[in-house]
Protein backbone atom coordinates (compact mmCIF):
# COMPACT_ATOMS: atom_id res chain seq x y z
CA UNK A 1 70.00 -16.25 -5.55
CA UNK A 2 68.05 -18.91 -3.86
CA UNK A 3 68.33 -22.75 -5.00
CA UNK A 4 65.23 -24.63 -5.46
CA UNK A 5 65.42 -26.50 -2.05
CA UNK A 6 65.42 -23.14 -0.33
CA UNK A 7 62.86 -21.61 -2.48
CA UNK A 8 60.41 -24.42 -2.07
CA UNK A 9 60.75 -24.18 1.65
CA UNK A 10 59.94 -20.47 1.50
CA UNK A 11 56.95 -21.13 -0.53
CA UNK A 12 55.64 -23.71 1.53
CA UNK A 13 55.73 -21.60 4.57
CA UNK A 14 54.51 -18.17 3.76
CA UNK A 15 55.13 -15.52 6.07
CA UNK A 16 52.55 -13.17 7.36
CA UNK A 17 53.18 -10.14 9.76
CA UNK A 18 51.30 -9.56 12.61
CA UNK A 19 51.32 -6.17 14.34
CA UNK A 20 49.13 -4.18 17.20
CA UNK A 21 46.64 -1.67 15.73
CA UNK A 22 46.67 1.58 17.42
CA UNK A 23 43.18 3.21 18.58
CA UNK A 24 43.44 5.78 15.56
CA UNK A 25 44.50 2.98 12.90
CA UNK A 26 41.48 1.16 14.16
CA UNK A 27 39.26 3.77 13.51
CA UNK A 28 40.54 3.91 9.81
CA UNK A 29 40.34 0.58 9.10
CA UNK A 30 37.23 -0.56 10.94
CA UNK A 31 33.80 0.87 10.65
CA UNK A 32 32.57 1.97 13.78
CA UNK A 33 29.37 -0.32 14.16
CA UNK A 34 31.75 -3.42 13.29
CA UNK A 35 33.41 -2.72 16.91
CA UNK A 36 30.33 -3.27 18.83
CA UNK A 37 30.88 -6.95 19.13
CA UNK A 38 34.75 -6.51 20.20
CA UNK A 39 35.19 -7.01 23.98
CA UNK A 40 38.44 -5.25 23.94
CA UNK A 41 39.20 -2.75 20.82
CA UNK A 42 42.30 -1.70 22.37
CA UNK A 43 43.77 -4.96 21.90
CA UNK A 44 43.28 -5.49 18.15
CA UNK A 45 45.97 -6.93 16.04
CA UNK A 46 46.27 -6.83 12.00
CA UNK A 47 47.69 -9.76 9.98
CA UNK A 48 49.28 -8.79 6.82
CA UNK A 49 50.80 -10.76 3.80
CA UNK A 50 54.84 -10.18 3.25
CA UNK A 51 53.79 -7.77 0.48
CA UNK A 52 51.56 -5.82 2.82
CA UNK A 53 47.92 -6.70 1.75
CA UNK A 54 45.82 -6.56 4.89
CA UNK A 55 44.26 -10.21 5.65
CA UNK A 56 42.79 -9.89 8.67
CA UNK A 57 41.99 -7.76 12.04
CA UNK A 58 41.97 -10.15 15.13
CA UNK A 59 41.29 -9.55 18.77
CA UNK A 60 44.29 -10.59 20.87
CA UNK A 61 48.37 -11.43 19.94
CA UNK A 62 47.67 -15.20 20.64
CA UNK A 63 44.27 -15.16 18.42
CA UNK A 64 46.06 -13.67 15.91
CA UNK A 65 49.03 -16.05 15.66
CA UNK A 66 46.75 -19.16 16.08
CA UNK A 67 44.74 -17.82 13.09
CA UNK A 68 47.83 -17.65 11.00
CA UNK A 69 49.05 -21.03 11.82
CA UNK A 70 45.47 -22.53 11.27
CA UNK A 71 45.84 -21.45 7.70
CA UNK A 72 49.51 -22.84 7.33
CA UNK A 73 51.12 -19.37 7.59
CA UNK A 74 54.36 -18.58 9.53
CA UNK A 75 53.52 -15.68 11.82
CA UNK A 76 56.31 -12.96 12.52
CA UNK A 77 55.47 -10.33 15.08
CA UNK A 78 56.30 -6.87 13.81
CA UNK A 79 56.86 -3.83 16.49
């Protein structure tokens, strides 16, 4: 059981998971015409909430981590 101090700290820094998308996953998640402006479609990463909700698809690992931090989220890499 969490005490109030730990619980508050966890809520203050919500976790998100960042994972590389395989080419087959990209086709299932993104309409083909949405990829026209993407320079490197093989370099897409998905940002998901702790409960699995897909929050964003970002080009580049560093950009995905930066986007999470900009929104006061704590990014964790998933392999």
